[in-house]
Amino acid sequence: MNPFFYRNIGIRGRVVRGLGGLVLLLGAYLCHGAGLSGTLTGAGMFMLFEALIGWCVLRACRIKTPL
């Protein structure tokens, strides 16, 4: 795997990203047909991807995050 995708968050960060992704997907479902659902779905899926593999794009770009 590319070094860019090495795990860089712990269990707490993974849980927060997973819950955030689920909230965004719920928001996308509730906004269905409002034109914003595609953006919310994409962001939610990306957050679930981050939680699944234990990786944060901000930390990979050397930006410090609190979790």
Protein backbone atom coordinates (compact mmCIF):
# COMPACT_ATOMS: atom_id res chain seq x y z
CA MET A 1 0.00 0.00 0.00
CA ASN A 2 1.14 3.51 -0.72
CA PRO A 3 2.77 5.21 2.32
CA PHE A 4 0.20 8.01 1.92
CA PHE A 5 -2.52 5.57 3.07
CA TYR A 6 -0.79 4.25 6.21
CA ARG A 7 -2.95 4.18 9.31
CA ASN A 8 -2.61 7.47 11.12
CA ILE A 9 -5.58 7.61 13.52
CA GLY A 10 -6.53 5.58 16.59
CA ILE A 11 -9.78 3.95 17.63
CA ARG A 12 -11.27 7.21 18.93
CA GLY A 13 -10.69 8.97 15.62
CA ARG A 14 -12.10 6.01 13.72
CA VAL A 15 -15.29 6.01 15.81
CA VAL A 16 -15.75 9.77 15.39
CA ARG A 17 -15.27 9.54 11.62
CA GLY A 18 -17.61 6.56 11.38
CA LEU A 19 -20.36 8.32 13.32
CA GLY A 20 -19.83 11.49 11.29
CA GLY A 21 -20.14 9.51 8.08
CA LEU A 22 -23.38 7.93 9.23
CA VAL A 23 -24.78 11.35 10.19
CA LEU A 24 -23.91 12.70 6.75
CA LEU A 25 -25.56 9.72 5.04
CA LEU A 26 -28.66 10.23 7.17
CA GLY A 27 -28.67 13.89 6.17
CA ALA A 28 -28.36 12.89 2.52
CA TYR A 29 -31.34 10.59 2.90
CA LEU A 30 -33.41 13.32 4.54
CA CYS A 31 -32.41 15.88 1.87
CA HIS A 32 -33.18 13.52 -1.00
CA GLY A 33 -34.18 15.57 -4.02
CA ALA A 34 -32.93 18.87 -2.58
CA GLY A 35 -29.77 18.95 -4.69
CA LEU A 36 -27.48 18.58 -1.68
CA SER A 37 -27.86 14.85 -1.22
CA GLY A 38 -25.06 13.95 -3.67
CA THR A 39 -22.52 16.06 -1.83
CA LEU A 40 -23.58 14.71 1.55
CA THR A 41 -23.47 11.14 0.25
CA GLY A 42 -19.97 11.59 -1.13
CA ALA A 43 -18.69 13.17 2.07
CA GLY A 44 -20.35 10.50 4.20
CA MET A 45 -18.90 7.67 2.13
CA PHE A 46 -15.45 9.23 2.29
CA MET A 47 -15.67 9.54 6.09
CA LEU A 48 -16.73 5.89 6.34
CA PHE A 49 -13.76 4.96 4.13
CA GLU A 50 -11.44 6.87 6.48
CA ALA A 51 -12.93 5.12 9.50
CA LEU A 52 -12.72 1.71 7.88
CA ILE A 53 -9.01 1.87 7.03
CA GLY A 54 -7.93 4.07 9.99
CA TRP A 55 -6.67 6.88 7.83
CA CYS A 56 -7.26 10.64 7.87
CA VAL A 57 -6.59 12.76 4.79
CA LEU A 58 -5.73 15.82 6.89
CA ARG A 59 -3.13 13.93 8.91
CA ALA A 60 -1.73 12.42 5.72
CA CYS A 61 -1.18 16.00 4.53
CA ARG A 62 0.61 16.75 7.84
CA ILE A 63 -2.19 18.87 9.29
CA LYS A 64 -2.63 18.22 13.01
CA THR A 65 -6.11 17.19 14.16
CA PRO A 66 -7.22 16.79 17.78
CA LEU A 67 -8.42 13.16 17.38
